[in-house]
Amino acid sequence: MMKPFATICLLCLMVAVTSCATRRMSHSSRLAHAKQLLVQKDYTGCRDVFRCLAEAESTPPAVAAESLYWMAEAYAAEGDFTNAYRTAKRLVWDYPSGMWTARYSGKMPLWN
């Protein structure tokens, strides 16, 4: 029988591992998976996958930018406009001339 602390540590480890469990998939497959989670309104799950894609050094810039876009959309869909705005600002700052940045041209002032 595991002690409560060990059980909690094991659960935390499992959550950390599964949040980026899609690493073996291609970038486009992981992006599609995260978008499907967004459609299913699993905002936490999709944000975890989008975050892994956006922060991984091996992710191509176009995929990272799209991940930030959809992560901001997930925050906004959940009503967390502060984090939506922060994520969108990160997108604009990191990828100023990208297609995904252009999509926010009219949205960000609404989030202030």
PDB file of N, CA and C in Angstrom:
ATOM      1  N   MET A   1       0.843  -1.177   0.000  1.00  0.00           N
ATOM      2  CA  MET A   1       0.000   0.000   0.000  1.00  0.00           C
ATOM      3  C   MET A   1       0.887   1.239   0.000  1.00  0.00           C
ATOM      4  N   MET A   2       0.637   2.122  -0.932  1.00  0.00           N
ATOM      5  CA  MET A   2       1.426   3.351  -1.028  1.00  0.00           C
ATOM      6  C   MET A   2       0.937   4.377  -0.012  1.00  0.00           C
ATOM      7  N   LYS A   3       1.843   5.161   0.471  1.00  0.00           N
ATOM      8  CA  LYS A   3       1.490   6.238   1.394  1.00  0.00           C
ATOM      9  C   LYS A   3       0.874   7.379   0.593  1.00  0.00           C
ATOM     10  N   PRO A   4       0.041   8.202   1.228  1.00  0.00           N
ATOM     11  CA  PRO A   4      -0.632   9.293   0.505  1.00  0.00           C
ATOM     12  C   PRO A   4       0.328  10.216  -0.234  1.00  0.00           C
ATOM     13  N   PHE A   5       1.469  10.556   0.383  1.00  0.00           N
ATOM     14  CA  PHE A   5       2.419  11.452  -0.270  1.00  0.00           C
ATOM     15  C   PHE A   5       2.981  10.816  -1.533  1.00  0.00           C
ATOM     16  N   ALA A   6       3.313   9.544  -1.460  1.00  0.00           N
ATOM     17  CA  ALA A   6       3.855   8.840  -2.624  1.00  0.00           C
ATOM     18  C   ALA A   6       2.810   8.753  -3.728  1.00  0.00           C
ATOM     19  N   THR A   7       1.568   8.543  -3.344  1.00  0.00           N
ATOM     20  CA  THR A   7       0.485   8.474  -4.326  1.00  0.00           C
ATOM     21  C   THR A   7       0.320   9.808  -5.038  1.00  0.00           C
ATOM     22  N   ILE A   8       0.357  10.889  -4.274  1.00  0.00           N
ATOM     23  CA  ILE A   8       0.218  12.219  -4.862  1.00  0.00           C
ATOM     24  C   ILE A   8       1.388  12.520  -5.787  1.00  0.00           C
ATOM     25  N   CYS A   9       2.593  12.166  -5.372  1.00  0.00           N
ATOM     26  CA  CYS A   9       3.764  12.379  -6.218  1.00  0.00           C
ATOM     27  C   CYS A   9       3.661  11.587  -7.517  1.00  0.00           C
ATOM     28  N   LEU A  10       3.192  10.360  -7.421  1.00  0.00           N
ATOM     29  CA  LEU A  10       3.025   9.531  -8.607  1.00  0.00           C
ATOM     30  C   LEU A  10       1.981  10.125  -9.540  1.00  0.00           C
ATOM     31  N   LEU A  11       0.885  10.605  -9.001  1.00  0.00           N
ATOM     32  CA  LEU A  11      -0.147  11.231  -9.822  1.00  0.00           C
ATOM     33  C   LEU A  11       0.373  12.487 -10.502  1.00  0.00           C
ATOM     34  N   CYS A  12       1.128  13.296  -9.769  1.00  0.00           N
ATOM     35  CA  CYS A  12       1.709  14.507 -10.364  1.00  0.00           C
ATOM     36  C   CYS A  12       2.661  14.156 -11.499  1.00  0.00           C
ATOM     37  N   LEU A  13       3.447  13.126 -11.316  1.00  0.00           N
ATOM     38  CA  LEU A  13       4.369  12.681 -12.352  1.00  0.00           C
ATOM     39  C   LEU A  13       3.601  12.200 -13.577  1.00  0.00           C
ATOM     40  N   MET A  14       2.526  11.468 -13.362  1.00  0.00           N
ATOM     41  CA  MET A  14       1.720  10.973 -14.475  1.00  0.00           C
ATOM     42  C   MET A  14       1.116  12.130 -15.258  1.00  0.00           C
ATOM     43  N   VAL A  15       0.634  13.148 -14.570  1.00  0.00           N
ATOM     44  CA  VAL A  15       0.063  14.315 -15.244  1.00  0.00           C
ATOM     45  C   VAL A  15       1.132  15.032 -16.053  1.00  0.00           C
ATOM     46  N   ALA A  16       2.320  15.194 -15.480  1.00  0.00           N
ATOM     47  CA  ALA A  16       3.403  15.868 -16.189  1.00  0.00           C
ATOM     48  C   ALA A  16       3.810  15.101 -17.440  1.00  0.00           C
ATOM     49  N   VAL A  17       3.862  13.798 -17.346  1.00  0.00           N
ATOM     50  CA  VAL A  17       4.253  12.983 -18.492  1.00  0.00           C
ATOM     51  C   VAL A  17       3.176  12.994 -19.568  1.00  0.00           C
ATOM     52  N   THR A  18       1.911  12.877 -19.168  1.00  0.00           N
ATOM     53  CA  THR A  18       0.845  12.813 -20.170  1.00  0.00           C
ATOM     54  C   THR A  18       0.563  14.159 -20.807  1.00  0.00           C
ATOM     55  N   SER A  19       0.950  15.258 -20.166  1.00  0.00           N
ATOM     56  CA  SER A  19       0.687  16.555 -20.783  1.00  0.00           C
ATOM     57  C   SER A  19       1.451  16.706 -22.090  1.00  0.00           C
ATOM     58  N   CYS A  20       2.586  16.064 -22.214  1.00  0.00           N
ATOM     59  CA  CYS A  20       3.346  16.089 -23.458  1.00  0.00           C
ATOM     60  C   CYS A  20       3.472  14.674 -24.029  1.00  0.00           C
ATOM     61  N   ALA A  21       2.485  13.846 -23.753  1.00  0.00           N
ATOM     62  CA  ALA A  21       2.546  12.450 -24.183  1.00  0.00           C
ATOM     63  C   ALA A  21       2.499  12.301 -25.690  1.00  0.00           C
ATOM     64  N   THR A  22       2.077  13.345 -26.376  1.00  0.00           N
ATOM     65  CA  THR A  22       1.982  13.259 -27.828  1.00  0.00           C
ATOM     66  C   THR A  22       3.293  13.597 -28.512  1.00  0.00           C
ATOM     67  N   ARG A  23       4.395  13.628 -27.774  1.00  0.00           N
ATOM     68  CA  ARG A  23       5.687  14.019 -28.348  1.00  0.00           C
ATOM     69  C   ARG A  23       6.143  13.107 -29.474  1.00  0.00           C
ATOM     70  N   ARG A  24       5.754  11.844 -29.452  1.00  0.00           N
ATOM     71  CA  ARG A  24       6.188  10.906 -30.487  1.00  0.00           C
ATOM     72  C   ARG A  24       5.454  11.143 -31.803  1.00  0.00           C
ATOM     73  N   MET A  25       4.391  11.895 -31.771  1.00  0.00           N
ATOM     74  CA  MET A  25       3.631  12.194 -32.987  1.00  0.00           C
ATOM     75  C   MET A  25       4.318  13.336 -33.733  1.00  0.00           C
ATOM     76  N   SER A  26       3.996  13.487 -35.011  1.00  0.00           N
ATOM     77  CA  SER A  26       4.552  14.601 -35.770  1.00  0.00           C
ATOM     78  C   SER A  26       3.944  15.910 -35.261  1.00  0.00           C
ATOM     79  N   HIS A  27       4.579  17.005 -35.591  1.00  0.00           N
ATOM     80  CA  HIS A  27       4.071  18.299 -35.147  1.00  0.00           C
ATOM     81  C   HIS A  27       2.654  18.553 -35.656  1.00  0.00           C
ATOM     82  N   SER A  28       2.413  18.220 -36.909  1.00  0.00           N
ATOM     83  CA  SER A  28       1.082  18.459 -37.463  1.00  0.00           C
ATOM     84  C   SER A  28       0.041  17.551 -36.814  1.00  0.00           C
ATOM     85  N   SER A  29       0.417  16.325 -36.470  1.00  0.00           N
ATOM     86  CA  SER A  29      -0.514  15.419 -35.787  1.00  0.00           C
ATOM     87  C   SER A  29      -0.821  15.913 -34.380  1.00  0.00           C
ATOM     88  N   ARG A  30       0.195  16.399 -33.692  1.00  0.00           N
ATOM     89  CA  ARG A  30      -0.009  16.931 -32.343  1.00  0.00           C
ATOM     90  C   ARG A  30      -0.898  18.170 -32.390  1.00  0.00           C
ATOM     91  N   LEU A  31      -0.681  19.011 -33.404  1.00  0.00           N
ATOM     92  CA  LEU A  31      -1.495  20.213 -33.563  1.00  0.00           C
ATOM     93  C   LEU A  31      -2.948  19.837 -33.835  1.00  0.00           C
ATOM     94  N   ALA A  32      -3.159  18.860 -34.694  1.00  0.00           N
ATOM     95  CA  ALA A  32      -4.517  18.397 -34.992  1.00  0.00           C
ATOM     96  C   ALA A  32      -5.176  17.801 -33.745  1.00  0.00           C
ATOM     97  N   HIS A  33      -4.399  17.066 -32.969  1.00  0.00           N
ATOM     98  CA  HIS A  33      -4.918  16.473 -31.729  1.00  0.00           C
ATOM     99  C   HIS A  33      -5.350  17.570 -30.757  1.00  0.00           C
ATOM    100  N   ALA A  34      -4.522  18.591 -30.611  1.00  0.00           N
ATOM    101  CA  ALA A  34      -4.854  19.695 -29.701  1.00  0.00           C
ATOM    102  C   ALA A  34      -6.092  20.448 -30.171  1.00  0.00           C
ATOM    103  N   LYS A  35      -6.220  20.639 -31.485  1.00  0.00           N
ATOM    104  CA  LYS A  35      -7.409  21.318 -32.017  1.00  0.00           C
ATOM    105  C   LYS A  35      -8.665  20.492 -31.747  1.00  0.00           C
ATOM    106  N   GLN A  36      -8.537  19.176 -31.845  1.00  0.00           N
ATOM    107  CA  GLN A  36      -9.678  18.307 -31.543  1.00  0.00           C
ATOM    108  C   GLN A  36     -10.072  18.428 -30.073  1.00  0.00           C
ATOM    109  N   LEU A  37      -9.091  18.504 -29.194  1.00  0.00           N
ATOM    110  CA  LEU A  37      -9.382  18.708 -27.772  1.00  0.00           C
ATOM    111  C   LEU A  37     -10.083  20.050 -27.556  1.00  0.00           C
ATOM    112  N   LEU A  38      -9.684  21.055 -28.319  1.00  0.00           N
ATOM    113  CA  LEU A  38     -10.327  22.369 -28.219  1.00  0.00           C
ATOM    114  C   LEU A  38     -11.788  22.287 -28.657  1.00  0.00           C
ATOM    115  N   VAL A  39     -12.042  21.584 -29.741  1.00  0.00           N
ATOM    116  CA  VAL A  39     -13.424  21.400 -30.211  1.00  0.00           C
ATOM    117  C   VAL A  39     -14.253  20.663 -29.162  1.00  0.00           C
ATOM    118  N   GLN A  40     -13.631  19.718 -28.469  1.00  0.00           N
ATOM    119  CA  GLN A  40     -14.318  18.958 -27.429  1.00  0.00           C
ATOM    120  C   GLN A  40     -14.414  19.730 -26.109  1.00  0.00           C
ATOM    121  N   LYS A  41     -13.913  20.966 -26.112  1.00  0.00           N
ATOM    122  CA  LYS A  41     -13.935  21.853 -24.945  1.00  0.00           C
ATOM    123  C   LYS A  41     -13.099  21.336 -23.782  1.00  0.00           C
ATOM    124  N   ASP A  42     -12.060  20.571 -24.109  1.00  0.00           N
ATOM    125  CA  ASP A  42     -11.076  20.151 -23.109  1.00  0.00           C
ATOM    126  C   ASP A  42      -9.974  21.209 -23.121  1.00  0.00           C
ATOM    127  N   TYR A  43     -10.274  22.351 -22.520  1.00  0.00           N
ATOM    128  CA  TYR A  43      -9.382  23.499 -22.610  1.00  0.00           C
ATOM    129  C   TYR A  43      -8.034  23.254 -21.951  1.00  0.00           C
ATOM    130  N   THR A  44      -8.031  22.613 -20.807  1.00  0.00           N
ATOM    131  CA  THR A  44      -6.767  22.335 -20.128  1.00  0.00           C
ATOM    132  C   THR A  44      -5.910  21.387 -20.956  1.00  0.00           C
ATOM    133  N   GLY A  45      -6.506  20.337 -21.473  1.00  0.00           N
ATOM    134  CA  GLY A  45      -5.763  19.370 -22.280  1.00  0.00           C
ATOM    135  C   GLY A  45      -5.195  19.983 -23.546  1.00  0.00           C
ATOM    136  N   CYS A  46      -6.012  20.764 -24.238  1.00  0.00           N
ATOM    137  CA  CYS A  46      -5.516  21.355 -25.489  1.00  0.00           C
ATOM    138  C   CYS A  46      -4.432  22.389 -25.211  1.00  0.00           C
ATOM    139  N   ARG A  47      -4.595  23.174 -24.144  1.00  0.00           N
ATOM    140  CA  ARG A  47      -3.567  24.160 -23.818  1.00  0.00           C
ATOM    141  C   ARG A  47      -2.243  23.490 -23.477  1.00  0.00           C
ATOM    142  N   ASP A  48      -2.288  22.346 -22.810  1.00  0.00           N
ATOM    143  CA  ASP A  48      -1.057  21.622 -22.489  1.00  0.00           C
ATOM    144  C   ASP A  48      -0.322  21.197 -23.762  1.00  0.00           C
ATOM    145  N   VAL A  49      -1.059  20.682 -24.728  1.00  0.00           N
ATOM    146  CA  VAL A  49      -0.433  20.248 -25.980  1.00  0.00           C
ATOM    147  C   VAL A  49       0.071  21.463 -26.760  1.00  0.00           C
ATOM    148  N   PHE A  50      -0.760  22.522 -26.843  1.00  0.00           N
ATOM    149  CA  PHE A  50      -0.326  23.739 -27.534  1.00  0.00           C
ATOM    150  C   PHE A  50       0.929  24.314 -26.878  1.00  0.00           C
ATOM    151  N   ARG A  51       0.959  24.311 -25.543  1.00  0.00           N
ATOM    152  CA  ARG A  51       2.114  24.850 -24.821  1.00  0.00           C
ATOM    153  C   ARG A  51       3.371  24.031 -25.138  1.00  0.00           C
ATOM    154  N   CYS A  52       3.250  22.708 -25.145  1.00  0.00           N
ATOM    155  CA  CYS A  52       4.399  21.850 -25.473  1.00  0.00           C
ATOM    156  C   CYS A  52       4.910  22.151 -26.876  1.00  0.00           C
ATOM    157  N   LEU A  53       3.987  22.339 -27.805  1.00  0.00           N
ATOM    158  CA  LEU A  53       4.395  22.654 -29.174  1.00  0.00           C
ATOM    159  C   LEU A  53       5.051  24.022 -29.252  1.00  0.00           C
ATOM    160  N   ALA A  54       4.485  24.999 -28.583  1.00  0.00           N
ATOM    161  CA  ALA A  54       5.004  26.367 -28.656  1.00  0.00           C
ATOM    162  C   ALA A  54       6.377  26.498 -28.005  1.00  0.00           C
ATOM    163  N   GLU A  55       6.641  25.691 -26.994  1.00  0.00           N
ATOM    164  CA  GLU A  55       7.877  25.841 -26.232  1.00  0.00           C
ATOM    165  C   GLU A  55       8.992  24.886 -26.643  1.00  0.00           C
ATOM    166  N   ALA A  56       8.674  23.865 -27.425  1.00  0.00           N
ATOM    167  CA  ALA A  56       9.703  22.908 -27.843  1.00  0.00           C
ATOM    168  C   ALA A  56      10.627  23.545 -28.882  1.00  0.00           C
ATOM    169  N   GLU A  57      11.911  23.352 -28.692  1.00  0.00           N
ATOM    170  CA  GLU A  57      12.889  23.925 -29.620  1.00  0.00           C
ATOM    171  C   GLU A  57      12.819  23.283 -30.998  1.00  0.00           C
ATOM    172  N   SER A  58      12.332  22.064 -31.070  1.00  0.00           N
ATOM    173  CA  SER A  58      12.281  21.360 -32.349  1.00  0.00           C
ATOM    174  C   SER A  58      11.059  21.732 -33.184  1.00  0.00           C
ATOM    175  N   THR A  59      10.142  22.493 -32.603  1.00  0.00           N
ATOM    176  CA  THR A  59       8.926  22.866 -33.316  1.00  0.00           C
ATOM    177  C   THR A  59       9.230  23.935 -34.355  1.00  0.00           C
ATOM    178  N   PRO A  60       8.778  23.738 -35.593  1.00  0.00           N
ATOM    179  CA  PRO A  60       8.970  24.777 -36.613  1.00  0.00           C
ATOM    180  C   PRO A  60       8.243  26.069 -36.203  1.00  0.00           C
ATOM    181  N   PRO A  61       8.778  27.223 -36.569  1.00  0.00           N
ATOM    182  CA  PRO A  61       8.167  28.500 -36.172  1.00  0.00           C
ATOM    183  C   PRO A  61       6.691  28.641 -36.567  1.00  0.00           C
ATOM    184  N   ALA A  62       6.318  28.157 -37.729  1.00  0.00           N
ATOM    185  CA  ALA A  62       4.922  28.280 -38.154  1.00  0.00           C
ATOM    186  C   ALA A  62       3.998  27.491 -37.233  1.00  0.00           C
ATOM    187  N   VAL A  63       4.424  26.323 -36.795  1.00  0.00           N
ATOM    188  CA  VAL A  63       3.623  25.495 -35.892  1.00  0.00           C
ATOM    189  C   VAL A  63       3.578  26.126 -34.501  1.00  0.00           C
ATOM    190  N   ALA A  64       4.697  26.663 -34.049  1.00  0.00           N
ATOM    191  CA  ALA A  64       4.732  27.323 -32.745  1.00  0.00           C
ATOM    192  C   ALA A  64       3.803  28.527 -32.730  1.00  0.00           C
ATOM    193  N   ALA A  65       3.812  29.313 -33.796  1.00  0.00           N
ATOM    194  CA  ALA A  65       2.932  30.480 -33.879  1.00  0.00           C
ATOM    195  C   ALA A  65       1.464  30.054 -33.878  1.00  0.00           C
ATOM    196  N   GLU A  66       1.141  29.039 -34.652  1.00  0.00           N
ATOM    197  CA  GLU A  66      -0.246  28.554 -34.682  1.00  0.00           C
ATOM    198  C   GLU A  66      -0.659  28.009 -33.318  1.00  0.00           C
ATOM    199  N   SER A  67       0.262  27.351 -32.639  1.00  0.00           N
ATOM    200  CA  SER A  67      -0.038  26.827 -31.302  1.00  0.00           C
ATOM    201  C   SER A  67      -0.352  27.954 -30.330  1.00  0.00           C
ATOM    202  N   LEU A  68       0.420  29.030 -30.389  1.00  0.00           N
ATOM    203  CA  LEU A  68       0.140  30.179 -29.520  1.00  0.00           C
ATOM    204  C   LEU A  68      -1.222  30.791 -29.845  1.00  0.00           C
ATOM    205  N   TYR A  69      -1.540  30.863 -31.126  1.00  0.00           N
ATOM    206  CA  TYR A  69      -2.844  31.399 -31.537  1.00  0.00           C
ATOM    207  C   TYR A  69      -3.979  30.584 -30.916  1.00  0.00           C
ATOM    208  N   TRP A  70      -3.925  29.280 -31.090  1.00  0.00           N
ATOM    209  CA  TRP A  70      -4.995  28.426 -30.591  1.00  0.00           C
ATOM    210  C   TRP A  70      -5.005  28.348 -29.069  1.00  0.00           C
ATOM    211  N   MET A  71      -3.838  28.475 -28.447  1.00  0.00           N
ATOM    212  CA  MET A  71      -3.793  28.501 -26.991  1.00  0.00           C
ATOM    213  C   MET A  71      -4.508  29.754 -26.477  1.00  0.00           C
ATOM    214  N   ALA A  72      -4.286  30.879 -27.125  1.00  0.00           N
ATOM    215  CA  ALA A  72      -4.990  32.112 -26.748  1.00  0.00           C
ATOM    216  C   ALA A  72      -6.496  31.953 -26.961  1.00  0.00           C
ATOM    217  N   GLU A  73      -6.883  31.306 -28.045  1.00  0.00           N
ATOM    218  CA  GLU A  73      -8.303  31.059 -28.304  1.00  0.00           C
ATOM    219  C   GLU A  73      -8.919  30.169 -27.226  1.00  0.00           C
ATOM    220  N   ALA A  74      -8.160  29.182 -26.766  1.00  0.00           N
ATOM    221  CA  ALA A  74      -8.652  28.299 -25.702  1.00  0.00           C
ATOM    222  C   ALA A  74      -8.875  29.073 -24.409  1.00  0.00           C
ATOM    223  N   TYR A  75      -7.915  29.944 -24.069  1.00  0.00           N
ATOM    224  CA  TYR A  75      -8.095  30.782 -22.879  1.00  0.00           C
ATOM    225  C   TYR A  75      -9.341  31.664 -23.026  1.00  0.00           C
ATOM    226  N   ALA A  76      -9.501  32.272 -24.198  1.00  0.00           N
ATOM    227  CA  ALA A  76     -10.645  33.154 -24.428  1.00  0.00           C
ATOM    228  C   ALA A  76     -11.958  32.385 -24.365  1.00  0.00           C
ATOM    229  N   ALA A  77     -11.988  31.181 -24.922  1.00  0.00           N
ATOM    230  CA  ALA A  77     -13.209  30.368 -24.892  1.00  0.00           C
ATOM    231  C   ALA A  77     -13.602  30.004 -23.471  1.00  0.00           C
ATOM    232  N   GLU A  78     -12.607  29.891 -22.632  1.00  0.00           N
ATOM    233  CA  GLU A  78     -12.841  29.541 -21.231  1.00  0.00           C
ATOM    234  C   GLU A  78     -13.189  30.778 -20.395  1.00  0.00           C
ATOM    235  N   GLY A  79     -13.026  31.965 -20.994  1.00  0.00           N
ATOM    236  CA  GLY A  79     -13.323  33.198 -20.281  1.00  0.00           C
ATOM    237  C   GLY A  79     -12.137  33.793 -19.545  1.00  0.00           C
ATOM    238  N   ASP A  80     -10.951  33.233 -19.737  1.00  0.00           N
ATOM    239  CA  ASP A  80      -9.744  33.733 -19.088  1.00  0.00           C
ATOM    240  C   ASP A  80      -9.070  34.724 -20.043  1.00  0.00           C
ATOM    241  N   PHE A  81      -9.611  35.932 -20.094  1.00  0.00           N
ATOM    242  CA  PHE A  81      -9.139  36.915 -21.057  1.00  0.00           C
ATOM    243  C   PHE A  81      -7.762  37.480 -20.719  1.00  0.00           C
ATOM    244  N   THR A  82      -7.384  37.440 -19.457  1.00  0.00           N
ATOM    245  CA  THR A  82      -6.048  37.905 -19.079  1.00  0.00           C
ATOM    246  C   THR A  82      -4.984  37.016 -19.712  1.00  0.00           C
ATOM    247  N   ASN A  83      -5.117  35.709 -19.553  1.00  0.00           N
ATOM    248  CA  ASN A  83      -4.136  34.795 -20.158  1.00  0.00           C
ATOM    249  C   ASN A  83      -4.275  34.737 -21.673  1.00  0.00           C
ATOM    250  N   ALA A  84      -5.477  34.924 -22.175  1.00  0.00           N
ATOM    251  CA  ALA A  84      -5.662  34.985 -23.631  1.00  0.00           C
ATOM    252  C   ALA A  84      -4.878  36.162 -24.200  1.00  0.00           C
ATOM    253  N   TYR A  85      -4.995  37.309 -23.538  1.00  0.00           N
ATOM    254  CA  TYR A  85      -4.279  38.499 -23.978  1.00  0.00           C
ATOM    255  C   TYR A  85      -2.765  38.306 -23.885  1.00  0.00           C
ATOM    256  N   ARG A  86      -2.306  37.743 -22.775  1.00  0.00           N
ATOM    257  CA  ARG A  86      -0.865  37.512 -22.599  1.00  0.00           C
ATOM    258  C   ARG A  86      -0.311  36.574 -23.669  1.00  0.00           C
ATOM    259  N   THR A  87      -1.075  35.530 -23.966  1.00  0.00           N
ATOM    260  CA  THR A  87      -0.630  34.571 -24.980  1.00  0.00           C
ATOM    261  C   THR A  87      -0.624  35.216 -26.362  1.00  0.00           C
ATOM    262  N   ALA A  88      -1.652  36.003 -26.649  1.00  0.00           N
ATOM    263  CA  ALA A  88      -1.706  36.697 -27.938  1.00  0.00           C
ATOM    264  C   ALA A  88      -0.565  37.704 -28.070  1.00  0.00           C
ATOM    265  N   LYS A  89      -0.248  38.399 -26.985  1.00  0.00           N
ATOM    266  CA  LYS A  89       0.871  39.341 -27.015  1.00  0.00           C
ATOM    267  C   LYS A  89       2.191  38.603 -27.260  1.00  0.00           C
ATOM    268  N   ARG A  90       2.322  37.425 -26.666  1.00  0.00           N
ATOM    269  CA  ARG A  90       3.526  36.616 -26.902  1.00  0.00           C
ATOM    270  C   ARG A  90       3.608  36.223 -28.374  1.00  0.00           C
ATOM    271  N   LEU A  91       2.471  35.862 -28.953  1.00  0.00           N
ATOM    272  CA  LEU A  91       2.425  35.522 -30.373  1.00  0.00           C
ATOM    273  C   LEU A  91       2.875  36.707 -31.211  1.00  0.00           C
ATOM    274  N   VAL A  92       2.338  37.878 -30.919  1.00  0.00           N
ATOM    275  CA  VAL A  92       2.679  39.082 -31.676  1.00  0.00           C
ATOM    276  C   VAL A  92       4.157  39.437 -31.498  1.00  0.00           C
ATOM    277  N   TRP A  93       4.647  39.290 -30.289  1.00  0.00           N
ATOM    278  CA  TRP A  93       6.049  39.634 -30.005  1.00  0.00           C
ATOM    279  C   TRP A  93       7.014  38.653 -30.674  1.00  0.00           C
ATOM    280  N   ASP A  94       6.721  37.342 -30.555  1.00  0.00           N
ATOM    281  CA  ASP A  94       7.639  36.328 -31.079  1.00  0.00           C
ATOM    282  C   ASP A  94       7.529  36.147 -32.596  1.00  0.00           C
ATOM    283  N   TYR A  95       6.342  36.368 -33.148  1.00  0.00           N
ATOM    284  CA  TYR A  95       6.107  36.136 -34.585  1.00  0.00           C
ATOM    285  C   TYR A  95       5.360  37.334 -35.176  1.00  0.00           C
ATOM    286  N   PRO A  96       6.000  38.496 -35.248  1.00  0.00           N
ATOM    287  CA  PRO A  96       5.292  39.726 -35.627  1.00  0.00           C
ATOM    288  C   PRO A  96       4.750  39.755 -37.043  1.00  0.00           C
ATOM    289  N   SER A  97       5.340  39.026 -37.957  1.00  0.00           N
ATOM    290  CA  SER A  97       4.882  39.118 -39.347  1.00  0.00           C
ATOM    291  C   SER A  97       4.174  37.854 -39.819  1.00  0.00           C
ATOM    292  N   GLY A  98       3.805  37.003 -38.915  1.00  0.00           N
ATOM    293  CA  GLY A  98       3.189  35.742 -39.317  1.00  0.00           C
ATOM    294  C   GLY A  98       1.699  35.835 -39.603  1.00  0.00           C
ATOM    295  N   MET A  99       1.204  34.827 -40.289  1.00  0.00           N
ATOM    296  CA  MET A  99      -0.213  34.749 -40.630  1.00  0.00           C
ATOM    297  C   MET A  99      -1.089  34.705 -39.383  1.00  0.00           C
ATOM    298  N   TRP A 100      -0.635  33.984 -38.363  1.00  0.00           N
ATOM    299  CA  TRP A 100      -1.443  33.829 -37.156  1.00  0.00           C
ATOM    300  C   TRP A 100      -1.500  35.114 -36.359  1.00  0.00           C
ATOM    301  N   THR A 101      -0.449  35.914 -36.434  1.00  0.00           N
ATOM    302  CA  THR A 101      -0.451  37.217 -35.775  1.00  0.00           C
ATOM    303  C   THR A 101      -1.459  38.141 -36.441  1.00  0.00           C
ATOM    304  N   ALA A 102      -1.542  38.082 -37.755  1.00  0.00           N
ATOM    305  CA  ALA A 102      -2.469  38.940 -38.494  1.00  0.00           C
ATOM    306  C   ALA A 102      -3.921  38.672 -38.109  1.00  0.00           C
ATOM    307  N   ARG A 103      -4.230  37.463 -37.693  1.00  0.00           N
ATOM    308  CA  ARG A 103      -5.600  37.143 -37.295  1.00  0.00           C
ATOM    309  C   ARG A 103      -6.046  37.895 -36.048  1.00  0.00           C
ATOM    310  N   TYR A 104      -5.086  38.361 -35.248  1.00  0.00           N
ATOM    311  CA  TYR A 104      -5.431  39.097 -34.027  1.00  0.00           C
ATOM    312  C   TYR A 104      -5.510  40.599 -34.227  1.00  0.00           C
ATOM    313  N   SER A 105      -5.395  41.059 -35.430  1.00  0.00           N
ATOM    314  CA  SER A 105      -5.352  42.505 -35.656  1.00  0.00           C
ATOM    315  C   SER A 105      -6.566  43.225 -35.066  1.00  0.00           C
ATOM    316  N   GLY A 106      -7.717  42.609 -35.055  1.00  0.00           N
ATOM    317  CA  GLY A 106      -8.899  43.256 -34.504  1.00  0.00           C
ATOM    318  C   GLY A 106      -9.340  42.717 -33.167  1.00  0.00           C
ATOM    319  N   LYS A 107      -8.730  41.653 -32.684  1.00  0.00           N
ATOM    320  CA  LYS A 107      -9.194  41.014 -31.456  1.00  0.00           C
ATOM    321  C   LYS A 107      -8.557  41.561 -30.188  1.00  0.00           C
ATOM    322  N   MET A 108      -7.263  41.851 -30.230  1.00  0.00           N
ATOM    323  CA  MET A 108      -6.571  42.179 -28.979  1.00  0.00           C
ATOM    324  C   MET A 108      -7.132  43.400 -28.263  1.00  0.00           C
ATOM    325  N   PRO A 109      -7.518  44.471 -28.944  1.00  0.00           N
ATOM    326  CA  PRO A 109      -8.064  45.601 -28.184  1.00  0.00           C
ATOM    327  C   PRO A 109      -9.317  45.230 -27.381  1.00  0.00           C
ATOM    328  N   LEU A 110     -10.049  44.234 -27.826  1.00  0.00           N
ATOM    329  CA  LEU A 110     -11.246  43.807 -27.106  1.00  0.00           C
ATOM    330  C   LEU A 110     -10.890  43.128 -25.786  1.00  0.00           C
ATOM    331  N   TRP A 111      -9.679  42.596 -25.688  1.00  0.00           N
ATOM    332  CA  TRP A 111      -9.291  41.857 -24.501  1.00  0.00           C
ATOM    333  C   TRP A 111      -8.684  42.731 -23.428  1.00  0.00           C
ATOM    334  N   ASN A 112      -8.424  43.981 -23.701  1.00  0.00           N
ATOM    335  CA  ASN A 112      -7.832  44.867 -22.680  1.00  0.00           C
ATOM    336  C   ASN A 112      -8.777  45.155 -21.553  1.00  0.00           C
TER     337      ASN A 112
END
